[in-house]
PDB file of N, CA and C in Angstrom:
ATOM      1  N   MET A   1      17.839  30.266  -1.835  1.00  0.00           N
ATOM      2  CA  MET A   1      18.324  28.866  -3.375  1.00  0.00           C
ATOM      3  C   MET A   1      17.481  29.787  -4.250  1.00  0.00           C
ATOM      4  N   ASN A   2      17.702  29.573  -5.329  1.00  0.00           N
ATOM      5  CA  ASN A   2      16.947  30.161  -6.507  1.00  0.00           C
ATOM      6  C   ASN A   2      16.696  29.016  -7.445  1.00  0.00           C
ATOM      7  N   ASN A   3      15.675  29.656  -8.449  1.00  0.00           N
ATOM      8  CA  ASN A   3      14.728  28.956  -9.100  1.00  0.00           C
ATOM      9  C   ASN A   3      15.299  27.528  -9.885  1.00  0.00           C
ATOM     10  N   ASN A   4      16.463  27.837 -10.083  1.00  0.00           N
ATOM     11  CA  ASN A   4      16.617  26.518 -10.693  1.00  0.00           C
ATOM     12  C   ASN A   4      17.571  25.335  -9.766  1.00  0.00           C
ATOM     13  N   THR A   5      18.258  25.985  -8.743  1.00  0.00           N
ATOM     14  CA  THR A   5      18.399  24.954  -8.135  1.00  0.00           C
ATOM     15  C   THR A   5      17.504  23.969  -6.955  1.00  0.00           C
ATOM     16  N   LYS A   6      17.787  22.618  -7.276  1.00  0.00           N
ATOM     17  CA  LYS A   6      16.319  21.605  -6.346  1.00  0.00           C
ATOM     18  C   LYS A   6      17.628  21.257  -4.902  1.00  0.00           C
ATOM     19  N   PRO A   7      16.665  20.955  -4.605  1.00  0.00           N
ATOM     20  CA  PRO A   7      16.997  20.795  -2.489  1.00  0.00           C
ATOM     21  C   PRO A   7      17.828  19.698  -3.061  1.00  0.00           C
ATOM     22  N   THR A   8      18.328  19.504  -1.689  1.00  0.00           N
ATOM     23  CA  THR A   8      19.929  18.129  -1.615  1.00  0.00           C
ATOM     24  C   THR A   8      19.778  18.079   0.297  1.00  0.00           C
ATOM     25  N   GLY A   9      20.182  16.965   0.529  1.00  0.00           N
ATOM     26  CA  GLY A   9      20.592  16.718   1.712  1.00  0.00           C
ATOM     27  C   GLY A   9      18.719  16.359   2.198  1.00  0.00           C
ATOM     28  N   ILE A  10      18.832  16.988   3.901  1.00  0.00           N
ATOM     29  CA  ILE A  10      17.869  17.182   4.459  1.00  0.00           C
ATOM     30  C   ILE A  10      16.517  17.695   3.334  1.00  0.00           C
ATOM     31  N   LYS A  11      16.899  18.997   2.937  1.00  0.00           N
ATOM     32  CA  LYS A  11      15.686  19.365   2.946  1.00  0.00           C
ATOM     33  C   LYS A  11      14.569  18.423   1.345  1.00  0.00           C
ATOM     34  N   LYS A  12      15.176  18.047   1.121  1.00  0.00           N
ATOM     35  CA  LYS A  12      15.173  17.082   0.090  1.00  0.00           C
ATOM     36  C   LYS A  12      14.550  15.638   0.403  1.00  0.00           C
ATOM     37  N   LEU A  13      15.126  15.283   1.180  1.00  0.00           N
ATOM     38  CA  LEU A  13      14.598  14.249   2.592  1.00  0.00           C
ATOM     39  C   LEU A  13      12.874  14.217   3.297  1.00  0.00           C
ATOM     40  N   TRP A  14      12.680  16.011   3.546  1.00  0.00           N
ATOM     41  CA  TRP A  14      11.973  16.363   3.962  1.00  0.00           C
ATOM     42  C   TRP A  14      10.820  16.804   2.897  1.00  0.00           C
ATOM     43  N   SER A  15      11.468  16.894   2.258  1.00  0.00           N
ATOM     44  CA  SER A  15       9.940  17.113   0.765  1.00  0.00           C
ATOM     45  C   SER A  15       9.014  16.582   0.282  1.00  0.00           C
ATOM     46  N   ALA A  16      10.438  15.214   0.230  1.00  0.00           N
ATOM     47  CA  ALA A  16       9.541  13.657  -0.179  1.00  0.00           C
ATOM     48  C   ALA A  16       8.601  13.041   0.640  1.00  0.00           C
ATOM     49  N   SER A  17       9.298  13.505   2.292  1.00  0.00           N
ATOM     50  CA  SER A  17       8.353  12.571   3.439  1.00  0.00           C
ATOM     51  C   SER A  17       6.818  13.259   3.373  1.00  0.00           C
ATOM     52  N   ILE A  18       6.684  14.868   2.583  1.00  0.00           N
ATOM     53  CA  ILE A  18       5.475  15.771   2.888  1.00  0.00           C
ATOM     54  C   ILE A  18       4.656  14.994   1.800  1.00  0.00           C
ATOM     55  N   TYR A  19       5.740  15.077   0.848  1.00  0.00           N
ATOM     56  CA  TYR A  19       4.544  14.402  -0.857  1.00  0.00           C
ATOM     57  C   TYR A  19       4.517  12.238  -0.542  1.00  0.00           C
ATOM     58  N   SER A  20       5.126  11.656   0.565  1.00  0.00           N
ATOM     59  CA  SER A  20       4.808  10.730   0.672  1.00  0.00           C
ATOM     60  C   SER A  20       3.262  11.019   2.206  1.00  0.00           C
ATOM     61  N   ALA A  21       3.841  11.890   3.016  1.00  0.00           N
ATOM     62  CA  ALA A  21       2.308  11.975   3.441  1.00  0.00           C
ATOM     63  C   ALA A  21       0.696  12.455   3.115  1.00  0.00           C
ATOM     64  N   GLN A  22       1.272  13.379   1.923  1.00  0.00           N
ATOM     65  CA  GLN A  22      -0.048  13.387   0.941  1.00  0.00           C
ATOM     66  C   GLN A  22      -0.120  12.700   0.023  1.00  0.00           C
ATOM     67  N   GLY A  23      -0.010  11.791   0.012  1.00  0.00           N
ATOM     68  CA  GLY A  23      -0.464  10.263  -0.694  1.00  0.00           C
ATOM     69  C   GLY A  23      -0.420   9.284   0.312  1.00  0.00           C
ATOM     70  N   LEU A  24      -0.316   8.911   1.178  1.00  0.00           N
ATOM     71  CA  LEU A  24      -1.028   8.400   2.196  1.00  0.00           C
ATOM     72  C   LEU A  24      -2.253   8.864   2.298  1.00  0.00           C
ATOM     73  N   LYS A  25      -2.345  10.195   2.776  1.00  0.00           N
ATOM     74  CA  LYS A  25      -4.354  10.587   3.163  1.00  0.00           C
ATOM     75  C   LYS A  25      -4.667  10.487   1.536  1.00  0.00           C
ATOM     76  N   ALA A  26      -4.076  11.182   0.410  1.00  0.00           N
ATOM     77  CA  ALA A  26      -5.303  11.247  -0.290  1.00  0.00           C
ATOM     78  C   ALA A  26      -5.599  10.349  -0.894  1.00  0.00           C
ATOM     79  N   CYS A  27      -4.873   7.976  -0.674  1.00  0.00           N
ATOM     80  CA  CYS A  27      -5.513   7.404  -0.945  1.00  0.00           C
ATOM     81  C   CYS A  27      -6.462   6.863   0.256  1.00  0.00           C
ATOM     82  N   TYR A  28      -5.602   7.208   1.023  1.00  0.00           N
ATOM     83  CA  TYR A  28      -6.943   7.333   2.693  1.00  0.00           C
ATOM     84  C   TYR A  28      -8.000   8.062   2.407  1.00  0.00           C
ATOM     85  N   LYS A  29      -8.252   9.070   1.848  1.00  0.00           N
ATOM     86  CA  LYS A  29      -9.907   9.844   1.896  1.00  0.00           C
ATOM     87  C   LYS A  29     -10.468   9.422   0.570  1.00  0.00           C
ATOM     88  N   SER A  30      -9.619   9.367  -0.556  1.00  0.00           N
ATOM     89  CA  SER A  30     -11.237   8.575  -1.766  1.00  0.00           C
ATOM     90  C   SER A  30     -10.731   7.356  -2.503  1.00  0.00           C
ATOM     91  N   GLU A  31     -10.252   6.848  -1.337  1.00  0.00           N
ATOM     92  CA  GLU A  31     -10.136   4.766  -1.462  1.00  0.00           C
ATOM     93  C   GLU A  31     -10.782   4.102  -0.038  1.00  0.00           C
ATOM     94  N   TYR A  32     -12.321   3.120  -0.002  1.00  0.00           N
ATOM     95  CA  TYR A  32     -12.863   2.954   0.327  1.00  0.00           C
ATOM     96  C   TYR A  32     -11.756   1.339   1.260  1.00  0.00           C
ATOM     97  N   ALA A  33     -11.526   0.805  -0.062  1.00  0.00           N
ATOM     98  CA  ALA A  33     -10.727  -0.335   0.710  1.00  0.00           C
ATOM     99  C   ALA A  33      -9.271  -0.198   1.411  1.00  0.00           C
ATOM    100  N   PHE A  34      -8.933   0.736   0.814  1.00  0.00           N
ATOM    101  CA  PHE A  34      -7.576   1.342   1.631  1.00  0.00           C
ATOM    102  C   PHE A  34      -8.353   1.998   2.598  1.00  0.00           C
ATOM    103  N   ARG A  35      -8.860   2.921   3.345  1.00  0.00           N
ATOM    104  CA  ARG A  35      -9.274   2.544   4.610  1.00  0.00           C
ATOM    105  C   ARG A  35      -9.931   1.849   5.465  1.00  0.00           C
ATOM    106  N   LEU A  36     -10.515   1.350   5.096  1.00  0.00           N
ATOM    107  CA  LEU A  36     -10.821  -0.069   5.602  1.00  0.00           C
ATOM    108  C   LEU A  36      -9.179  -1.037   6.209  1.00  0.00           C
ATOM    109  N   GLU A  37      -8.559  -1.511   5.128  1.00  0.00           N
ATOM    110  CA  GLU A  37      -7.425  -2.061   5.103  1.00  0.00           C
ATOM    111  C   GLU A  37      -6.227  -1.278   6.604  1.00  0.00           C
ATOM    112  N   VAL A  38      -6.052  -0.157   6.077  1.00  0.00           N
ATOM    113  CA  VAL A  38      -5.257   1.222   7.634  1.00  0.00           C
ATOM    114  C   VAL A  38      -6.221   0.600   8.511  1.00  0.00           C
ATOM    115  N   TRP A  39      -7.806   0.269   9.152  1.00  0.00           N
ATOM    116  CA  TRP A  39      -8.128   0.421  10.335  1.00  0.00           C
ATOM    117  C   TRP A  39      -7.674  -1.394  10.940  1.00  0.00           C
ATOM    118  N   LEU A  40      -7.478  -2.369   9.186  1.00  0.00           N
ATOM    119  CA  LEU A  40      -7.738  -3.188   9.520  1.00  0.00           C
ATOM    120  C   LEU A  40      -5.830  -3.343  10.485  1.00  0.00           C
ATOM    121  N   ALA A  41      -4.823  -2.633   9.905  1.00  0.00           N
ATOM    122  CA  ALA A  41      -3.486  -2.813  10.303  1.00  0.00           C
ATOM    123  C   ALA A  41      -3.639  -2.508  11.869  1.00  0.00           C
ATOM    124  N   PHE A  42      -4.412  -1.790  11.836  1.00  0.00           N
ATOM    125  CA  PHE A  42      -4.198  -0.652  13.372  1.00  0.00           C
ATOM    126  C   PHE A  42      -4.986  -2.102  14.382  1.00  0.00           C
ATOM    127  N   VAL A  43      -5.322  -2.866  13.948  1.00  0.00           N
ATOM    128  CA  VAL A  43      -5.938  -3.658  14.937  1.00  0.00           C
ATOM    129  C   VAL A  43      -4.366  -5.229  14.995  1.00  0.00           C
ATOM    130  N   LEU A  44      -4.183  -5.294  13.126  1.00  0.00           N
ATOM    131  CA  LEU A  44      -3.553  -6.539  13.219  1.00  0.00           C
ATOM    132  C   LEU A  44      -2.098  -6.266  13.774  1.00  0.00           C
ATOM    133  N   VAL A  45      -1.752  -5.133  13.399  1.00  0.00           N
ATOM    134  CA  VAL A  45      -0.280  -4.886  13.337  1.00  0.00           C
ATOM    135  C   VAL A  45       0.844  -5.328  15.075  1.00  0.00           C
ATOM    136  N   PRO A  46      -0.341  -4.464  15.637  1.00  0.00           N
ATOM    137  CA  PRO A  46      -0.475  -5.588  17.987  1.00  0.00           C
ATOM    138  C   PRO A  46      -0.618  -6.598  18.222  1.00  0.00           C
ATOM    139  N   LEU A  47      -1.329  -6.975  17.306  1.00  0.00           N
ATOM    140  CA  LEU A  47      -1.606  -8.446  17.291  1.00  0.00           C
ATOM    141  C   LEU A  47      -1.126  -9.826  16.533  1.00  0.00           C
ATOM    142  N   GLY A  48      -0.696  -8.754  15.483  1.00  0.00           N
ATOM    143  CA  GLY A  48       0.573 -10.307  15.475  1.00  0.00           C
ATOM    144  C   GLY A  48       2.151 -10.079  16.372  1.00  0.00           C
ATOM    145  N   TYR A  49       2.539  -8.635  17.022  1.00  0.00           N
ATOM    146  CA  TYR A  49       3.654  -8.357  17.399  1.00  0.00           C
ATOM    147  C   TYR A  49       3.204  -9.156  19.388  1.00  0.00           C
ATOM    148  N   TRP A  50       1.910  -9.313  19.620  1.00  0.00           N
ATOM    149  CA  TRP A  50       1.401 -10.139  20.763  1.00  0.00           C
ATOM    150  C   TRP A  50       1.421 -11.723  20.260  1.00  0.00           C
ATOM    151  N   LEU A  51       1.479 -12.336  19.143  1.00  0.00           N
ATOM    152  CA  LEU A  51       0.674 -13.721  18.848  1.00  0.00           C
ATOM    153  C   LEU A  51       2.279 -14.077  18.688  1.00  0.00           C
ATOM    154  N   GLY A  52       3.269 -13.152  17.512  1.00  0.00           N
ATOM    155  CA  GLY A  52       4.439 -13.807  17.283  1.00  0.00           C
ATOM    156  C   GLY A  52       4.982 -14.249  18.413  1.00  0.00           C
ATOM    157  N   GLU A  53       5.968 -15.306  18.782  1.00  0.00           N
ATOM    158  CA  GLU A  53       6.812 -16.145  19.954  1.00  0.00           C
ATOM    159  C   GLU A  53       8.294 -15.821  19.920  1.00  0.00           C
ATOM    160  N   SER A  54       8.507 -15.261  18.684  1.00  0.00           N
ATOM    161  CA  SER A  54       9.696 -14.760  18.359  1.00  0.00           C
ATOM    162  C   SER A  54       9.272 -14.003  17.451  1.00  0.00           C
ATOM    163  N   ASP A  55      11.216 -13.173  17.610  1.00  0.00           N
ATOM    164  CA  ASP A  55      11.115 -11.663  16.060  1.00  0.00           C
ATOM    165  C   ASP A  55      10.566 -11.991  15.099  1.00  0.00           C
ATOM    166  N   ILE A  56      10.266 -13.205  14.163  1.00  0.00           N
ATOM    167  CA  ILE A  56      11.154 -13.796  13.117  1.00  0.00           C
ATOM    168  C   ILE A  56       9.389 -14.085  13.243  1.00  0.00           C
ATOM    169  N   GLU A  57       8.889 -14.869  13.910  1.00  0.00           N
ATOM    170  CA  GLU A  57       7.400 -14.587  13.981  1.00  0.00           C
ATOM    171  C   GLU A  57       6.285 -13.144  13.787  1.00  0.00           C
ATOM    172  N   ARG A  58       6.937 -12.131  14.210  1.00  0.00           N
ATOM    173  CA  ARG A  58       5.826 -11.408  14.858  1.00  0.00           C
ATOM    174  C   ARG A  58       6.420 -10.056  13.031  1.00  0.00           C
ATOM    175  N   VAL A  59       8.075 -10.828  12.809  1.00  0.00           N
ATOM    176  CA  VAL A  59       8.350  -9.992  11.457  1.00  0.00           C
ATOM    177  C   VAL A  59       7.684 -10.796  10.455  1.00  0.00           C
ATOM    178  N   LEU A  60       7.426 -12.036  10.184  1.00  0.00           N
ATOM    179  CA  LEU A  60       6.198 -12.823   9.365  1.00  0.00           C
ATOM    180  C   LEU A  60       4.675 -12.319   9.753  1.00  0.00           C
ATOM    181  N   LEU A  61       4.166 -11.544  10.365  1.00  0.00           N
ATOM    182  CA  LEU A  61       3.116 -11.617  10.858  1.00  0.00           C
ATOM    183  C   LEU A  61       2.000 -10.360  10.382  1.00  0.00           C
ATOM    184  N   ILE A  62       3.312  -9.262  10.538  1.00  0.00           N
ATOM    185  CA  ILE A  62       3.636  -7.761  10.637  1.00  0.00           C
ATOM    186  C   ILE A  62       4.066  -7.138   9.097  1.00  0.00           C
ATOM    187  N   ALA A  63       5.311  -8.001   8.603  1.00  0.00           N
ATOM    188  CA  ALA A  63       5.050  -7.428   7.120  1.00  0.00           C
ATOM    189  C   ALA A  63       4.043  -8.111   6.174  1.00  0.00           C
ATOM    190  N   PRO A  64       3.246  -8.995   5.960  1.00  0.00           N
ATOM    191  CA  PRO A  64       3.151  -8.672   5.285  1.00  0.00           C
ATOM    192  C   PRO A  64       1.297  -7.951   5.098  1.00  0.00           C
ATOM    193  N   ILE A  65       0.605  -7.613   5.963  1.00  0.00           N
ATOM    194  CA  ILE A  65      -0.138  -6.156   6.395  1.00  0.00           C
ATOM    195  C   ILE A  65       1.122  -5.426   5.714  1.00  0.00           C
ATOM    196  N   PHE A  66       1.584  -5.131   5.936  1.00  0.00           N
ATOM    197  CA  PHE A  66       2.752  -3.630   4.510  1.00  0.00           C
ATOM    198  C   PHE A  66       1.784  -4.121   3.816  1.00  0.00           C
ATOM    199  N   LEU A  67       2.361  -4.731   3.742  1.00  0.00           N
ATOM    200  CA  LEU A  67       2.803  -5.612   1.526  1.00  0.00           C
ATOM    201  C   LEU A  67       1.410  -5.682   1.754  1.00  0.00           C
ATOM    202  N   VAL A  68       0.114  -5.807   1.967  1.00  0.00           N
ATOM    203  CA  VAL A  68      -0.999  -5.694   1.446  1.00  0.00           C
ATOM    204  C   VAL A  68      -1.420  -4.453   1.333  1.00  0.00           C
ATOM    205  N   LEU A  69      -0.969  -2.658   2.354  1.00  0.00           N
ATOM    206  CA  LEU A  69      -1.183  -1.307   1.999  1.00  0.00           C
ATOM    207  C   LEU A  69      -0.392  -0.739   0.951  1.00  0.00           C
ATOM    208  N   ILE A  70       0.605  -1.482   0.520  1.00  0.00           N
ATOM    209  CA  ILE A  70       1.363  -1.350  -0.579  1.00  0.00           C
ATOM    210  C   ILE A  70       1.276  -1.519  -1.471  1.00  0.00           C
ATOM    211  N   VAL A  71       0.396  -2.398  -1.686  1.00  0.00           N
ATOM    212  CA  VAL A  71       0.144  -2.759  -3.117  1.00  0.00           C
ATOM    213  C   VAL A  71      -1.499  -2.565  -3.589  1.00  0.00           C
ATOM    214  N   GLU A  72      -2.156  -2.437  -2.560  1.00  0.00           N
ATOM    215  CA  GLU A  72      -3.720  -1.402  -2.948  1.00  0.00           C
ATOM    216  C   GLU A  72      -3.181  -0.052  -3.063  1.00  0.00           C
ATOM    217  N   MET A  73      -1.744   0.596  -2.702  1.00  0.00           N
ATOM    218  CA  MET A  73      -2.094   2.357  -3.016  1.00  0.00           C
ATOM    219  C   MET A  73      -1.529   2.488  -4.458  1.00  0.00           C
ATOM    220  N   LEU A  74      -0.968   0.952  -4.405  1.00  0.00           N
ATOM    221  CA  LEU A  74       0.159   1.267  -6.362  1.00  0.00           C
ATOM    222  C   LEU A  74      -1.233   0.472  -6.817  1.00  0.00           C
ATOM    223  N   ASN A  75      -2.670  -0.396  -6.839  1.00  0.00           N
ATOM    224  CA  ASN A  75      -3.853  -0.252  -8.099  1.00  0.00           C
ATOM    225  C   ASN A  75      -4.512   0.776  -7.770  1.00  0.00           C
ATOM    226  N   SER A  76      -4.518   1.758  -6.229  1.00  0.00           N
ATOM    227  CA  SER A  76      -4.787   2.467  -6.756  1.00  0.00           C
ATOM    228  C   SER A  76      -4.068   4.201  -7.312  1.00  0.00           C
ATOM    229  N   ALA A  77      -2.410   3.744  -7.565  1.00  0.00           N
ATOM    230  CA  ALA A  77      -1.997   4.819  -8.256  1.00  0.00           C
ATOM    231  C   ALA A  77      -2.267   4.799  -9.887  1.00  0.00           C
ATOM    232  N   ILE A  78      -2.507   3.499  -9.826  1.00  0.00           N
ATOM    233  CA  ILE A  78      -2.710   2.785 -11.821  1.00  0.00           C
ATOM    234  C   ILE A  78      -3.924   2.914 -12.170  1.00  0.00           C
ATOM    235  N   GLU A  79      -4.677   2.541 -11.419  1.00  0.00           N
ATOM    236  CA  GLU A  79      -6.578   2.506 -11.679  1.00  0.00           C
ATOM    237  C   GLU A  79      -6.663   4.706 -12.134  1.00  0.00           C
ATOM    238  N   ALA A  80      -6.080   5.108 -11.377  1.00  0.00           N
ATOM    239  CA  ALA A  80      -6.265   6.933 -11.039  1.00  0.00           C
ATOM    240  C   ALA A  80      -5.282   7.402 -12.726  1.00  0.00           C
ATOM    241  N   LEU A  81      -3.599   6.904 -12.757  1.00  0.00           N
ATOM    242  CA  LEU A  81      -3.040   6.767 -14.319  1.00  0.00           C
ATOM    243  C   LEU A  81      -4.017   6.545 -14.917  1.00  0.00           C
ATOM    244  N   VAL A  82      -4.556   5.296 -15.004  1.00  0.00           N
ATOM    245  CA  VAL A  82      -5.773   4.792 -16.249  1.00  0.00           C
ATOM    246  C   VAL A  82      -6.380   5.857 -16.235  1.00  0.00           C
ATOM    247  N   ASP A  83      -7.558   6.269 -15.821  1.00  0.00           N
ATOM    248  CA  ASP A  83      -8.223   7.162 -16.439  1.00  0.00           C
ATOM    249  C   ASP A  83      -7.933   8.041 -16.483  1.00  0.00           C
ATOM    250  N   ARG A  84      -6.504   8.698 -16.130  1.00  0.00           N
ATOM    251  CA  ARG A  84      -6.163  10.178 -15.783  1.00  0.00           C
ATOM    252  C   ARG A  84      -6.159  10.678 -17.956  1.00  0.00           C
ATOM    253  N   VAL A  85      -5.597   9.081 -18.543  1.00  0.00           N
ATOM    254  CA  VAL A  85      -5.443   8.837 -19.776  1.00  0.00           C
ATOM    255  C   VAL A  85      -6.371   8.883 -20.094  1.00  0.00           C
ATOM    256  N   SER A  86      -7.616   8.135 -19.465  1.00  0.00           N
ATOM    257  CA  SER A  86      -8.605   8.249 -20.872  1.00  0.00           C
ATOM    258  C   SER A  86      -9.497   7.238 -19.935  1.00  0.00           C
ATOM    259  N   LEU A  87     -11.093   8.502 -20.118  1.00  0.00           N
ATOM    260  CA  LEU A  87     -12.297   7.693 -19.411  1.00  0.00           C
ATOM    261  C   LEU A  87     -13.068   6.649 -20.679  1.00  0.00           C
ATOM    262  N   GLU A  88     -12.547   6.191 -21.450  1.00  0.00           N
ATOM    263  CA  GLU A  88     -12.463   5.315 -22.577  1.00  0.00           C
ATOM    264  C   GLU A  88     -12.378   3.717 -22.114  1.00  0.00           C
ATOM    265  N   GLN A  89     -13.628   3.545 -22.627  1.00  0.00           N
ATOM    266  CA  GLN A  89     -13.393   2.050 -22.768  1.00  0.00           C
ATOM    267  C   GLN A  89     -12.096   0.872 -23.569  1.00  0.00           C
ATOM    268  N   HIS A  90     -11.431   0.218 -22.728  1.00  0.00           N
ATOM    269  CA  HIS A  90     -10.666  -0.133 -24.134  1.00  0.00           C
ATOM    270  C   HIS A  90      -9.969  -1.508 -22.873  1.00  0.00           C
ATOM    271  N   GLU A  91      -9.434  -2.341 -24.249  1.00  0.00           N
ATOM    272  CA  GLU A  91      -9.277  -3.431 -23.358  1.00  0.00           C
ATOM    273  C   GLU A  91      -7.416  -3.557 -22.882  1.00  0.00           C
ATOM    274  N   LEU A  92      -6.760  -2.674 -22.965  1.00  0.00           N
ATOM    275  CA  LEU A  92      -5.105  -2.735 -22.294  1.00  0.00           C
ATOM    276  C   LEU A  92      -5.734  -1.911 -20.876  1.00  0.00           C
ATOM    277  N   SER A  93      -6.339  -0.700 -21.051  1.00  0.00           N
ATOM    278  CA  SER A  93      -7.063   0.044 -19.376  1.00  0.00           C
ATOM    279  C   SER A  93      -7.467  -1.106 -18.325  1.00  0.00           C
ATOM    280  N   GLY A  94      -8.928  -2.590 -18.859  1.00  0.00           N
ATOM    281  CA  GLY A  94      -9.539  -2.647 -18.142  1.00  0.00           C
ATOM    282  C   GLY A  94      -8.092  -4.159 -18.569  1.00  0.00           C
ATOM    283  N   PHE A  95      -7.390  -4.056 -18.723  1.00  0.00           N
ATOM    284  CA  PHE A  95      -6.042  -5.348 -18.735  1.00  0.00           C
ATOM    285  C   PHE A  95      -5.279  -5.045 -16.949  1.00  0.00           C
ATOM    286  N   ALA A  96      -5.128  -3.103 -17.817  1.00  0.00           N
ATOM    287  CA  ALA A  96      -3.819  -2.849 -15.799  1.00  0.00           C
ATOM    288  C   ALA A  96      -4.411  -2.722 -15.585  1.00  0.00           C
ATOM    289  N   LYS A  97      -6.164  -2.303 -15.045  1.00  0.00           N
ATOM    290  CA  LYS A  97      -7.122  -2.053 -13.949  1.00  0.00           C
ATOM    291  C   LYS A  97      -6.941  -3.633 -12.776  1.00  0.00           C
ATOM    292  N   ASP A  98      -7.292  -4.550 -13.956  1.00  0.00           N
ATOM    293  CA  ASP A  98      -7.393  -5.906 -13.645  1.00  0.00           C
ATOM    294  C   ASP A  98      -6.707  -6.658 -13.161  1.00  0.00           C
ATOM    295  N   VAL A  99      -5.457  -6.731 -14.203  1.00  0.00           N
ATOM    296  CA  VAL A  99      -3.839  -7.114 -13.145  1.00  0.00           C
ATOM    297  C   VAL A  99      -3.315  -6.488 -11.801  1.00  0.00           C
ATOM    298  N   ALA A 100      -3.851  -4.693 -11.690  1.00  0.00           N
ATOM    299  CA  ALA A 100      -3.533  -4.634 -10.385  1.00  0.00           C
ATOM    300  C   ALA A 100      -4.313  -5.096  -9.358  1.00  0.00           C
ATOM    301  N   SER A 101      -6.003  -5.222  -9.979  1.00  0.00           N
ATOM    302  CA  SER A 101      -6.401  -5.577  -7.989  1.00  0.00           C
ATOM    303  C   SER A 101      -5.799  -7.066  -8.261  1.00  0.00           C
ATOM    304  N   ALA A 102      -5.938  -8.011  -9.027  1.00  0.00           N
ATOM    305  CA  ALA A 102      -5.309  -9.188  -9.113  1.00  0.00           C
ATOM    306  C   ALA A 102      -3.659  -9.498  -8.072  1.00  0.00           C
ATOM    307  N   ALA A 103      -3.052  -8.646  -7.832  1.00  0.00           N
ATOM    308  CA  ALA A 103      -1.685  -8.205  -7.182  1.00  0.00           C
ATOM    309  C   ALA A 103      -2.424  -7.999  -5.771  1.00  0.00           C
ATOM    310  N   VAL A 104      -2.984  -7.345  -5.707  1.00  0.00           N
ATOM    311  CA  VAL A 104      -3.961  -6.699  -4.610  1.00  0.00           C
ATOM    312  C   VAL A 104      -4.717  -7.717  -3.518  1.00  0.00           C
ATOM    313  N   LEU A 105      -4.970  -8.033  -4.617  1.00  0.00           N
ATOM    314  CA  LEU A 105      -5.996 -10.350  -4.086  1.00  0.00           C
ATOM    315  C   LEU A 105      -4.428 -11.386  -3.818  1.00  0.00           C
ATOM    316  N   LEU A 106      -4.109 -11.676  -4.547  1.00  0.00           N
ATOM    317  CA  LEU A 106      -2.766 -12.314  -4.317  1.00  0.00           C
ATOM    318  C   LEU A 106      -1.771 -11.870  -3.205  1.00  0.00           C
ATOM    319  N   SER A 107      -1.184 -10.296  -2.662  1.00  0.00           N
ATOM    320  CA  SER A 107      -0.588  -9.336  -1.588  1.00  0.00           C
ATOM    321  C   SER A 107      -2.048 -10.122  -0.375  1.00  0.00           C
ATOM    322  N   LEU A 108      -3.001 -10.186   0.024  1.00  0.00           N
ATOM    323  CA  LEU A 108      -3.855 -10.906   0.709  1.00  0.00           C
ATOM    324  C   LEU A 108      -3.870 -12.431   0.742  1.00  0.00           C
ATOM    325  N   VAL A 109      -3.640 -13.010  -0.164  1.00  0.00           N
ATOM    326  CA  VAL A 109      -3.344 -13.957   0.261  1.00  0.00           C
ATOM    327  C   VAL A 109      -2.024 -14.454   0.714  1.00  0.00           C
ATOM    328  N   ILE A 110      -1.270 -13.922   0.873  1.00  0.00           N
ATOM    329  CA  ILE A 110       0.027 -14.025   0.899  1.00  0.00           C
ATOM    330  C   ILE A 110      -0.739 -13.838   2.681  1.00  0.00           C
ATOM    331  N   PHE A 111      -1.045 -12.342   2.925  1.00  0.00           N
ATOM    332  CA  PHE A 111      -1.359 -12.709   4.183  1.00  0.00           C
ATOM    333  C   PHE A 111      -2.220 -13.973   5.228  1.00  0.00           C
ATOM    334  N   LEU A 112      -2.897 -14.103   4.797  1.00  0.00           N
ATOM    335  CA  LEU A 112      -3.806 -15.082   4.835  1.00  0.00           C
ATOM    336  C   LEU A 112      -2.874 -16.382   5.202  1.00  0.00           C
ATOM    337  N   PHE A 113      -2.159 -16.243   4.194  1.00  0.00           N
ATOM    338  CA  PHE A 113      -1.088 -17.680   4.100  1.00  0.00           C
ATOM    339  C   PHE A 113      -0.113 -17.235   5.562  1.00  0.00           C
ATOM    340  N   VAL A 114       0.578 -16.848   5.620  1.00  0.00           N
ATOM    341  CA  VAL A 114       2.010 -16.670   6.638  1.00  0.00           C
ATOM    342  C   VAL A 114       0.958 -16.838   7.794  1.00  0.00           C
ATOM    343  N   TRP A 115      -0.139 -15.794   7.791  1.00  0.00           N
ATOM    344  CA  TRP A 115      -0.733 -15.606   9.288  1.00  0.00           C
ATOM    345  C   TRP A 115      -1.247 -17.587   9.601  1.00  0.00           C
ATOM    346  N   ALA A 116      -2.271 -17.935   8.553  1.00  0.00           N
ATOM    347  CA  ALA A 116      -2.684 -19.495   9.119  1.00  0.00           C
ATOM    348  C   ALA A 116      -1.508 -20.435   9.683  1.00  0.00           C
ATOM    349  N   ILE A 117      -0.155 -20.699   8.209  1.00  0.00           N
ATOM    350  CA  ILE A 117       1.113 -21.320   8.983  1.00  0.00           C
ATOM    351  C   ILE A 117       0.868 -21.122  10.465  1.00  0.00           C
ATOM    352  N   ILE A 118       1.347 -20.092  10.310  1.00  0.00           N
ATOM    353  CA  ILE A 118       1.942 -19.819  11.572  1.00  0.00           C
ATOM    354  C   ILE A 118       0.927 -19.620  13.156  1.00  0.00           C
ATOM    355  N   LEU A 119      -0.040 -19.473  13.067  1.00  0.00           N
ATOM    356  CA  LEU A 119      -1.067 -19.803  13.703  1.00  0.00           C
ATOM    357  C   LEU A 119      -2.041 -20.205  13.894  1.00  0.00           C
ATOM    358  N   LEU A 120      -2.178 -21.324  13.052  1.00  0.00           N
ATOM    359  CA  LEU A 120      -1.636 -22.703  13.407  1.00  0.00           C
ATOM    360  C   LEU A 120      -1.060 -23.435  13.133  1.00  0.00           C
TER     361      LEU A 120
END
């Protein structure tokens, strides 16, 4: 394959998987909140599977756990991008970081809401 040819098919899927694994590893290494949420997920995913009385309940208990992880990673990416652009204090930078943080909070509220409704 020459330098101008992009990988396709299995090679492209493999490359994307490698990049995704690198992203997970980088986020885990650099973000305390993500590490905490990953360890909680290791406990809560099996617990959600065990506590769910039907397949639907199991999905509803487990999906919000992954939602929290996904939103936390997006929050980390937004924070990194804002810091990459400039470390200077700016109203829009603060806005972007605050909104991303609020998204994490809302994902946690969804998690708590779903677990409370199903388990209580």
